[in-house]
Amino acid sequence: MNYAYNWLMIIHDSTRTQDKVLKKATNLTLNTEVLAEAKKLGINISKACDAFLESLVRQEKERLWKLENADFIASYNKTIEDESLPLDSWRTF
């Protein structure tokens, strides 16, 4: 189990702030067939691209964070394996 990663991500997530999101117009080159199908289905292209890009950025930041903190995570997990979790003996589940 990756205890250190979960603990640090909770701290990282809790420090985020929800600022007003600014939008910027941009040009995209998209597959014409997929674009036509999306329009037929009533899919908002801007929202779909924005949501997908946001997801990709989040995934890449998470991947980089894991790489940057790999030594600490491994060390912390080793400590937990060797010493168990604090107060583990009083856990009822």
PDB file of N, CA and C in Angstrom:
ATOM      1  N   MET A   1       0.848  -1.173   0.000  1.00  0.00           N
ATOM      2  CA  MET A   1       0.000   0.000   0.000  1.00  0.00           C
ATOM      3  C   MET A   1       0.898   1.242   0.000  1.00  0.00           C
ATOM      4  N   ASN A   2       0.457   2.279  -0.638  1.00  0.00           N
ATOM      5  CA  ASN A   2       1.273   3.472  -0.791  1.00  0.00           C
ATOM      6  C   ASN A   2       0.765   4.566   0.149  1.00  0.00           C
ATOM      7  N   TYR A   3       1.088   4.441   1.435  1.00  0.00           N
ATOM      8  CA  TYR A   3       0.583   5.353   2.455  1.00  0.00           C
ATOM      9  C   TYR A   3       1.095   6.780   2.268  1.00  0.00           C
ATOM     10  N   ALA A   4       2.378   6.914   1.976  1.00  0.00           N
ATOM     11  CA  ALA A   4       2.977   8.246   1.852  1.00  0.00           C
ATOM     12  C   ALA A   4       2.345   9.014   0.704  1.00  0.00           C
ATOM     13  N   TYR A   5       2.157   8.366  -0.419  1.00  0.00           N
ATOM     14  CA  TYR A   5       1.572   9.038  -1.577  1.00  0.00           C
ATOM     15  C   TYR A   5       0.183   9.564  -1.234  1.00  0.00           C
ATOM     16  N   ASN A   6      -0.661   8.722  -0.631  1.00  0.00           N
ATOM     17  CA  ASN A   6      -2.018   9.145  -0.293  1.00  0.00           C
ATOM     18  C   ASN A   6      -2.011  10.315   0.683  1.00  0.00           C
ATOM     19  N   TRP A   7      -1.153  10.249   1.685  1.00  0.00           N
ATOM     20  CA  TRP A   7      -1.058  11.293   2.688  1.00  0.00           C
ATOM     21  C   TRP A   7      -0.612  12.608   2.067  1.00  0.00           C
ATOM     22  N   LEU A   8       0.421  12.561   1.238  1.00  0.00           N
ATOM     23  CA  LEU A   8       0.936  13.789   0.636  1.00  0.00           C
ATOM     24  C   LEU A   8      -0.031  14.370  -0.380  1.00  0.00           C
ATOM     25  N   MET A   9      -0.751  13.543  -1.117  1.00  0.00           N
ATOM     26  CA  MET A   9      -1.716  14.057  -2.086  1.00  0.00           C
ATOM     27  C   MET A   9      -2.878  14.748  -1.377  1.00  0.00           C
ATOM     28  N   ILE A  10      -3.273  14.240  -0.201  1.00  0.00           N
ATOM     29  CA  ILE A  10      -4.334  14.893   0.556  1.00  0.00           C
ATOM     30  C   ILE A  10      -3.890  16.292   0.949  1.00  0.00           C
ATOM     31  N   ILE A  11      -2.662  16.418   1.424  1.00  0.00           N
ATOM     32  CA  ILE A  11      -2.138  17.734   1.786  1.00  0.00           C
ATOM     33  C   ILE A  11      -2.073  18.630   0.557  1.00  0.00           C
ATOM     34  N   HIS A  12      -1.546  18.088  -0.547  1.00  0.00           N
ATOM     35  CA  HIS A  12      -1.427  18.866  -1.784  1.00  0.00           C
ATOM     36  C   HIS A  12      -2.798  19.342  -2.255  1.00  0.00           C
ATOM     37  N   ASP A  13      -3.791  18.441  -2.275  1.00  0.00           N
ATOM     38  CA  ASP A  13      -5.129  18.799  -2.735  1.00  0.00           C
ATOM     39  C   ASP A  13      -5.780  19.839  -1.831  1.00  0.00           C
ATOM     40  N   SER A  14      -5.521  19.756  -0.526  1.00  0.00           N
ATOM     41  CA  SER A  14      -6.183  20.679   0.389  1.00  0.00           C
ATOM     42  C   SER A  14      -5.633  22.088   0.283  1.00  0.00           C
ATOM     43  N   THR A  15      -4.469  22.259  -0.334  1.00  0.00           N
ATOM     44  CA  THR A  15      -3.892  23.590  -0.469  1.00  0.00           C
ATOM     45  C   THR A  15      -4.310  24.284  -1.756  1.00  0.00           C
ATOM     46  N   ARG A  16      -5.013  23.591  -2.622  1.00  0.00           N
ATOM     47  CA  ARG A  16      -5.466  24.198  -3.875  1.00  0.00           C
ATOM     48  C   ARG A  16      -6.575  25.196  -3.597  1.00  0.00           C
ATOM     49  N   THR A  17      -6.617  26.223  -4.419  1.00  0.00           N
ATOM     50  CA  THR A  17      -7.706  27.194  -4.320  1.00  0.00           C
ATOM     51  C   THR A  17      -8.466  27.198  -5.632  1.00  0.00           C
ATOM     52  N   GLN A  18      -9.738  27.472  -5.529  1.00  0.00           N
ATOM     53  CA  GLN A  18     -10.583  27.530  -6.722  1.00  0.00           C
ATOM     54  C   GLN A  18     -10.712  28.974  -7.165  1.00  0.00           C
ATOM     55  N   ASP A  19      -9.818  29.410  -8.026  1.00  0.00           N
ATOM     56  CA  ASP A  19      -9.887  30.755  -8.572  1.00  0.00           C
ATOM     57  C   ASP A  19     -10.838  30.775  -9.754  1.00  0.00           C
ATOM     58  N   LYS A  20     -11.264  31.967 -10.130  1.00  0.00           N
ATOM     59  CA  LYS A  20     -12.117  32.095 -11.311  1.00  0.00           C
ATOM     60  C   LYS A  20     -11.314  31.637 -12.525  1.00  0.00           C
ATOM     61  N   VAL A  21     -11.922  30.785 -13.331  1.00  0.00           N
ATOM     62  CA  VAL A  21     -11.242  30.232 -14.496  1.00  0.00           C
ATOM     63  C   VAL A  21     -11.369  31.205 -15.658  1.00  0.00           C
ATOM     64  N   LEU A  22     -10.233  31.580 -16.216  1.00  0.00           N
ATOM     65  CA  LEU A  22     -10.216  32.441 -17.394  1.00  0.00           C
ATOM     66  C   LEU A  22     -10.109  31.561 -18.629  1.00  0.00           C
ATOM     67  N   LYS A  23     -10.754  31.957 -19.677  1.00  0.00           N
ATOM     68  CA  LYS A  23     -10.732  31.203 -20.933  1.00  0.00           C
ATOM     69  C   LYS A  23      -9.961  31.975 -21.984  1.00  0.00           C
ATOM     70  N   LYS A  24      -9.351  31.236 -22.911  1.00  0.00           N
ATOM     71  CA  LYS A  24      -8.612  31.855 -24.010  1.00  0.00           C
ATOM     72  C   LYS A  24      -8.981  31.128 -25.298  1.00  0.00           C
ATOM     73  N   ALA A  25      -9.288  31.879 -26.320  1.00  0.00           N
ATOM     74  CA  ALA A  25      -9.596  31.297 -27.618  1.00  0.00           C
ATOM     75  C   ALA A  25      -8.317  30.711 -28.216  1.00  0.00           C
ATOM     76  N   THR A  26      -8.470  29.584 -28.888  1.00  0.00           N
ATOM     77  CA  THR A  26      -7.321  28.938 -29.513  1.00  0.00           C
ATOM     78  C   THR A  26      -7.790  28.199 -30.764  1.00  0.00           C
ATOM     79  N   ASN A  27      -6.855  27.829 -31.603  1.00  0.00           N
ATOM     80  CA  ASN A  27      -7.178  27.052 -32.803  1.00  0.00           C
ATOM     81  C   ASN A  27      -6.774  25.610 -32.575  1.00  0.00           C
ATOM     82  N   LEU A  28      -7.615  24.694 -33.011  1.00  0.00           N
ATOM     83  CA  LEU A  28      -7.336  23.268 -32.917  1.00  0.00           C
ATOM     84  C   LEU A  28      -7.489  22.635 -34.283  1.00  0.00           C
ATOM     85  N   THR A  29      -6.719  21.607 -34.520  1.00  0.00           N
ATOM     86  CA  THR A  29      -6.897  20.800 -35.724  1.00  0.00           C
ATOM     87  C   THR A  29      -7.459  19.464 -35.266  1.00  0.00           C
ATOM     88  N   LEU A  30      -8.681  19.173 -35.713  1.00  0.00           N
ATOM     89  CA  LEU A  30      -9.367  17.969 -35.264  1.00  0.00           C
ATOM     90  C   LEU A  30      -9.754  17.099 -36.456  1.00  0.00           C
ATOM     91  N   ASN A  31      -9.917  15.832 -36.191  1.00  0.00           N
ATOM     92  CA  ASN A  31     -10.388  14.879 -37.184  1.00  0.00           C
ATOM     93  C   ASN A  31     -11.789  15.318 -37.630  1.00  0.00           C
ATOM     94  N   THR A  32     -11.963  15.554 -38.931  1.00  0.00           N
ATOM     95  CA  THR A  32     -13.228  16.095 -39.431  1.00  0.00           C
ATOM     96  C   THR A  32     -14.410  15.151 -39.206  1.00  0.00           C
ATOM     97  N   GLU A  33     -14.180  13.849 -39.332  1.00  0.00           N
ATOM     98  CA  GLU A  33     -15.269  12.888 -39.125  1.00  0.00           C
ATOM     99  C   GLU A  33     -15.723  12.873 -37.669  1.00  0.00           C
ATOM    100  N   VAL A  34     -14.763  12.874 -36.765  1.00  0.00           N
ATOM    101  CA  VAL A  34     -15.099  12.863 -35.343  1.00  0.00           C
ATOM    102  C   VAL A  34     -15.770  14.177 -34.966  1.00  0.00           C
ATOM    103  N   LEU A  35     -15.284  15.277 -35.495  1.00  0.00           N
ATOM    104  CA  LEU A  35     -15.878  16.580 -35.221  1.00  0.00           C
ATOM    105  C   LEU A  35     -17.328  16.629 -35.696  1.00  0.00           C
ATOM    106  N   ALA A  36     -17.580  16.128 -36.890  1.00  0.00           N
ATOM    107  CA  ALA A  36     -18.945  16.112 -37.429  1.00  0.00           C
ATOM    108  C   ALA A  36     -19.867  15.258 -36.561  1.00  0.00           C
ATOM    109  N   GLU A  37     -19.387  14.095 -36.137  1.00  0.00           N
ATOM    110  CA  GLU A  37     -20.182  13.216 -35.267  1.00  0.00           C
ATOM    111  C   GLU A  37     -20.473  13.886 -33.926  1.00  0.00           C
ATOM    112  N   ALA A  38     -19.458  14.544 -33.372  1.00  0.00           N
ATOM    113  CA  ALA A  38     -19.634  15.226 -32.095  1.00  0.00           C
ATOM    114  C   ALA A  38     -20.687  16.323 -32.215  1.00  0.00           C
ATOM    115  N   LYS A  39     -20.642  17.066 -33.307  1.00  0.00           N
ATOM    116  CA  LYS A  39     -21.643  18.123 -33.519  1.00  0.00           C
ATOM    117  C   LYS A  39     -23.035  17.537 -33.665  1.00  0.00           C
ATOM    118  N   LYS A  40     -23.149  16.417 -34.410  1.00  0.00           N
ATOM    119  CA  LYS A  40     -24.455  15.747 -34.567  1.00  0.00           C
ATOM    120  C   LYS A  40     -25.014  15.311 -33.219  1.00  0.00           C
ATOM    121  N   LEU A  41     -24.116  14.898 -32.325  1.00  0.00           N
ATOM    122  CA  LEU A  41     -24.523  14.409 -31.008  1.00  0.00           C
ATOM    123  C   LEU A  41     -24.719  15.536 -29.994  1.00  0.00           C
ATOM    124  N   GLY A  42     -24.468  16.762 -30.427  1.00  0.00           N
ATOM    125  CA  GLY A  42     -24.670  17.901 -29.542  1.00  0.00           C
ATOM    126  C   GLY A  42     -23.586  18.065 -28.486  1.00  0.00           C
ATOM    127  N   ILE A  43     -22.416  17.533 -28.769  1.00  0.00           N
ATOM    128  CA  ILE A  43     -21.304  17.647 -27.824  1.00  0.00           C
ATOM    129  C   ILE A  43     -20.677  19.038 -27.958  1.00  0.00           C
ATOM    130  N   ASN A  44     -20.491  19.688 -26.827  1.00  0.00           N
ATOM    131  CA  ASN A  44     -19.841  20.990 -26.807  1.00  0.00           C
ATOM    132  C   ASN A  44     -18.342  20.744 -26.958  1.00  0.00           C
ATOM    133  N   ILE A  45     -17.794  21.081 -28.115  1.00  0.00           N
ATOM    134  CA  ILE A  45     -16.393  20.793 -28.443  1.00  0.00           C
ATOM    135  C   ILE A  45     -15.441  21.505 -27.480  1.00  0.00           C
ATOM    136  N   SER A  46     -15.713  22.760 -27.205  1.00  0.00           N
ATOM    137  CA  SER A  46     -14.842  23.524 -26.309  1.00  0.00           C
ATOM    138  C   SER A  46     -14.798  22.893 -24.920  1.00  0.00           C
ATOM    139  N   LYS A  47     -15.976  22.563 -24.382  1.00  0.00           N
ATOM    140  CA  LYS A  47     -16.029  21.955 -23.052  1.00  0.00           C
ATOM    141  C   LYS A  47     -15.355  20.585 -23.039  1.00  0.00           C
ATOM    142  N   ALA A  48     -15.585  19.801 -24.092  1.00  0.00           N
ATOM    143  CA  ALA A  48     -14.998  18.458 -24.153  1.00  0.00           C
ATOM    144  C   ALA A  48     -13.478  18.537 -24.235  1.00  0.00           C
ATOM    145  N   CYS A  49     -12.970  19.415 -25.086  1.00  0.00           N
ATOM    146  CA  CYS A  49     -11.511  19.572 -25.214  1.00  0.00           C
ATOM    147  C   CYS A  49     -10.910  20.118 -23.928  1.00  0.00           C
ATOM    148  N   ASP A  50     -11.570  21.089 -23.324  1.00  0.00           N
ATOM    149  CA  ASP A  50     -11.088  21.682 -22.082  1.00  0.00           C
ATOM    150  C   ASP A  50     -11.037  20.633 -20.964  1.00  0.00           C
ATOM    151  N   ALA A  51     -12.101  19.840 -20.839  1.00  0.00           N
ATOM    152  CA  ALA A  51     -12.144  18.810 -19.792  1.00  0.00           C
ATOM    153  C   ALA A  51     -11.079  17.746 -20.024  1.00  0.00           C
ATOM    154  N   PHE A  52     -10.906  17.331 -21.270  1.00  0.00           N
ATOM    155  CA  PHE A  52      -9.904  16.305 -21.569  1.00  0.00           C
ATOM    156  C   PHE A  52      -8.493  16.835 -21.334  1.00  0.00           C
ATOM    157  N   LEU A  53      -8.226  18.059 -21.755  1.00  0.00           N
ATOM    158  CA  LEU A  53      -6.912  18.656 -21.539  1.00  0.00           C
ATOM    159  C   LEU A  53      -6.628  18.824 -20.046  1.00  0.00           C
ATOM    160  N   GLU A  54      -7.637  19.244 -19.298  1.00  0.00           N
ATOM    161  CA  GLU A  54      -7.481  19.372 -17.841  1.00  0.00           C
ATOM    162  C   GLU A  54      -7.122  18.023 -17.220  1.00  0.00           C
ATOM    163  N   SER A  55      -7.785  16.972 -17.684  1.00  0.00           N
ATOM    164  CA  SER A  55      -7.495  15.628 -17.194  1.00  0.00           C
ATOM    165  C   SER A  55      -6.061  15.212 -17.526  1.00  0.00           C
ATOM    166  N   LEU A  56      -5.628  15.474 -18.751  1.00  0.00           N
ATOM    167  CA  LEU A  56      -4.255  15.138 -19.148  1.00  0.00           C
ATOM    168  C   LEU A  56      -3.223  15.900 -18.325  1.00  0.00           C
ATOM    169  N   VAL A  57      -3.486  17.180 -18.094  1.00  0.00           N
ATOM    170  CA  VAL A  57      -2.565  17.993 -17.296  1.00  0.00           C
ATOM    171  C   VAL A  57      -2.498  17.450 -15.871  1.00  0.00           C
ATOM    172  N   ARG A  58      -3.641  17.120 -15.286  1.00  0.00           N
ATOM    173  CA  ARG A  58      -3.685  16.577 -13.931  1.00  0.00           C
ATOM    174  C   ARG A  58      -2.901  15.268 -13.846  1.00  0.00           C
ATOM    175  N   GLN A  59      -3.092  14.394 -14.828  1.00  0.00           N
ATOM    176  CA  GLN A  59      -2.385  13.111 -14.851  1.00  0.00           C
ATOM    177  C   GLN A  59      -0.879  13.309 -14.969  1.00  0.00           C
ATOM    178  N   GLU A  60      -0.458  14.232 -15.815  1.00  0.00           N
ATOM    179  CA  GLU A  60       0.976  14.474 -15.990  1.00  0.00           C
ATOM    180  C   GLU A  60       1.592  15.087 -14.737  1.00  0.00           C
ATOM    181  N   LYS A  61       0.882  16.014 -14.107  1.00  0.00           N
ATOM    182  CA  LYS A  61       1.377  16.595 -12.859  1.00  0.00           C
ATOM    183  C   LYS A  61       1.500  15.519 -11.775  1.00  0.00           C
ATOM    184  N   GLU A  62       0.524  14.636 -11.713  1.00  0.00           N
ATOM    185  CA  GLU A  62       0.565  13.542 -10.735  1.00  0.00           C
ATOM    186  C   GLU A  62       1.750  12.621 -11.013  1.00  0.00           C
ATOM    187  N   ARG A  63       1.979  12.306 -12.286  1.00  0.00           N
ATOM    188  CA  ARG A  63       3.106  11.441 -12.656  1.00  0.00           C
ATOM    189  C   ARG A  63       4.437  12.086 -12.261  1.00  0.00           C
ATOM    190  N   LEU A  64       4.572  13.373 -12.557  1.00  0.00           N
ATOM    191  CA  LEU A  64       5.798  14.087 -12.206  1.00  0.00           C
ATOM    192  C   LEU A  64       5.971  14.178 -10.695  1.00  0.00           C
ATOM    193  N   TRP A  65       4.878  14.424  -9.967  1.00  0.00           N
ATOM    194  CA  TRP A  65       4.932  14.499  -8.511  1.00  0.00           C
ATOM    195  C   TRP A  65       5.411  13.168  -7.932  1.00  0.00           C
ATOM    196  N   LYS A  66       4.872  12.072  -8.456  1.00  0.00           N
ATOM    197  CA  LYS A  66       5.292  10.752  -7.985  1.00  0.00           C
ATOM    198  C   LYS A  66       6.779  10.524  -8.233  1.00  0.00           C
ATOM    199  N   LEU A  67       7.260  10.935  -9.401  1.00  0.00           N
ATOM    200  CA  LEU A  67       8.691  10.795  -9.697  1.00  0.00           C
ATOM    201  C   LEU A  67       9.540  11.633  -8.750  1.00  0.00           C
ATOM    202  N   GLU A  68       9.132  12.871  -8.531  1.00  0.00           N
ATOM    203  CA  GLU A  68       9.888  13.773  -7.670  1.00  0.00           C
ATOM    204  C   GLU A  68       9.920  13.302  -6.224  1.00  0.00           C
ATOM    205  N   ASN A  69       8.892  12.604  -5.782  1.00  0.00           N
ATOM    206  CA  ASN A  69       8.777  12.182  -4.394  1.00  0.00           C
ATOM    207  C   ASN A  69       8.966  10.686  -4.198  1.00  0.00           C
ATOM    208  N   ALA A  70       9.453   9.997  -5.213  1.00  0.00           N
ATOM    209  CA  ALA A  70       9.583   8.533  -5.159  1.00  0.00           C
ATOM    210  C   ALA A  70      10.463   8.063  -4.007  1.00  0.00           C
ATOM    211  N   ASP A  71      11.570   8.742  -3.760  1.00  0.00           N
ATOM    212  CA  ASP A  71      12.468   8.325  -2.676  1.00  0.00           C
ATOM    213  C   ASP A  71      11.778   8.438  -1.323  1.00  0.00           C
ATOM    214  N   PHE A  72      11.115   9.555  -1.080  1.00  0.00           N
ATOM    215  CA  PHE A  72      10.413   9.723   0.188  1.00  0.00           C
ATOM    216  C   PHE A  72       9.304   8.695   0.342  1.00  0.00           C
ATOM    217  N   ILE A  73       8.529   8.487  -0.708  1.00  0.00           N
ATOM    218  CA  ILE A  73       7.426   7.526  -0.655  1.00  0.00           C
ATOM    219  C   ILE A  73       7.943   6.132  -0.343  1.00  0.00           C
ATOM    220  N   ALA A  74       9.000   5.726  -1.012  1.00  0.00           N
ATOM    221  CA  ALA A  74       9.577   4.400  -0.766  1.00  0.00           C
ATOM    222  C   ALA A  74      10.084   4.292   0.675  1.00  0.00           C
ATOM    223  N   SER A  75      10.747   5.332   1.151  1.00  0.00           N
ATOM    224  CA  SER A  75      11.270   5.340   2.512  1.00  0.00           C
ATOM    225  C   SER A  75      10.140   5.277   3.534  1.00  0.00           C
ATOM    226  N   TYR A  76       9.123   6.071   3.342  1.00  0.00           N
ATOM    227  CA  TYR A  76       7.986   6.088   4.264  1.00  0.00           C
ATOM    228  C   TYR A  76       7.267   4.742   4.268  1.00  0.00           C
ATOM    229  N   ASN A  77       7.040   4.188   3.074  1.00  0.00           N
ATOM    230  CA  ASN A  77       6.370   2.887   2.998  1.00  0.00           C
ATOM    231  C   ASN A  77       7.189   1.799   3.670  1.00  0.00           C
ATOM    232  N   LYS A  78       8.517   1.861   3.547  1.00  0.00           N
ATOM    233  CA  LYS A  78       9.393   0.892   4.212  1.00  0.00           C
ATOM    234  C   LYS A  78       9.265   1.034   5.728  1.00  0.00           C
ATOM    235  N   THR A  79       9.218   2.263   6.218  1.00  0.00           N
ATOM    236  CA  THR A  79       9.047   2.500   7.656  1.00  0.00           C
ATOM    237  C   THR A  79       7.731   1.915   8.139  1.00  0.00           C
ATOM    238  N   ILE A  80       6.668   2.116   7.384  1.00  0.00           N
ATOM    239  CA  ILE A  80       5.355   1.581   7.759  1.00  0.00           C
ATOM    240  C   ILE A  80       5.383   0.054   7.750  1.00  0.00           C
ATOM    241  N   GLU A  81       6.018  -0.535   6.751  1.00  0.00           N
ATOM    242  CA  GLU A  81       6.135  -2.000   6.708  1.00  0.00           C
ATOM    243  C   GLU A  81       6.888  -2.527   7.924  1.00  0.00           C
ATOM    244  N   ASP A  82       7.973  -1.848   8.297  1.00  0.00           N
ATOM    245  CA  ASP A  82       8.817  -2.299   9.408  1.00  0.00           C
ATOM    246  C   ASP A  82       8.181  -2.035  10.769  1.00  0.00           C
ATOM    247  N   GLU A  83       7.543  -0.879  10.916  1.00  0.00           N
ATOM    248  CA  GLU A  83       7.066  -0.458  12.234  1.00  0.00           C
ATOM    249  C   GLU A  83       5.543  -0.461  12.358  1.00  0.00           C
ATOM    250  N   SER A  84       4.823  -0.655  11.295  1.00  0.00           N
ATOM    251  CA  SER A  84       3.367  -0.573  11.180  1.00  0.00           C
ATOM    252  C   SER A  84       2.895   0.866  11.376  1.00  0.00           C
ATOM    253  N   LEU A  85       1.618   1.049  11.224  1.00  0.00           N
ATOM    254  CA  LEU A  85       1.042   2.387  11.368  1.00  0.00           C
ATOM    255  C   LEU A  85       0.968   2.769  12.847  1.00  0.00           C
ATOM    256  N   PRO A  86       1.108   4.054  13.137  1.00  0.00           N
ATOM    257  CA  PRO A  86       0.947   4.479  14.530  1.00  0.00           C
ATOM    258  C   PRO A  86      -0.449   4.113  15.028  1.00  0.00           C
ATOM    259  N   LEU A  87      -0.529   3.660  16.236  1.00  0.00           N
ATOM    260  CA  LEU A  87      -1.796   3.273  16.877  1.00  0.00           C
ATOM    261  C   LEU A  87      -2.475   2.087  16.193  1.00  0.00           C
ATOM    262  N   ASP A  88      -1.757   1.366  15.353  1.00  0.00           N
ATOM    263  CA  ASP A  88      -2.331   0.228  14.617  1.00  0.00           C
ATOM    264  C   ASP A  88      -2.875  -0.841  15.555  1.00  0.00           C
ATOM    265  N   SER A  89      -2.246  -1.020  16.693  1.00  0.00           N
ATOM    266  CA  SER A  89      -2.685  -2.075  17.619  1.00  0.00           C
ATOM    267  C   SER A  89      -4.035  -1.766  18.245  1.00  0.00           C
ATOM    268  N   TRP A  90      -4.486  -0.511  18.206  1.00  0.00           N
ATOM    269  CA  TRP A  90      -5.781  -0.146  18.754  1.00  0.00           C
ATOM    270  C   TRP A  90      -6.886  -0.079  17.687  1.00  0.00           C
ATOM    271  N   ARG A  91      -6.534  -0.387  16.470  1.00  0.00           N
ATOM    272  CA  ARG A  91      -7.507  -0.324  15.380  1.00  0.00           C
ATOM    273  C   ARG A  91      -8.542  -1.432  15.551  1.00  0.00           C
ATOM    274  N   THR A  92      -9.812  -1.132  15.311  1.00  0.00           N
ATOM    275  CA  THR A  92     -10.884  -2.114  15.505  1.00  0.00           C
ATOM    276  C   THR A  92     -11.407  -2.691  14.193  1.00  0.00           C
ATOM    277  N   PHE A  93     -10.829  -2.332  13.083  1.00  0.00           N
ATOM    278  CA  PHE A  93     -11.288  -2.856  11.786  1.00  0.00           C
ATOM    279  C   PHE A  93     -10.186  -3.549  11.064  1.00  0.00           C
TER     280      PHE A  93
END
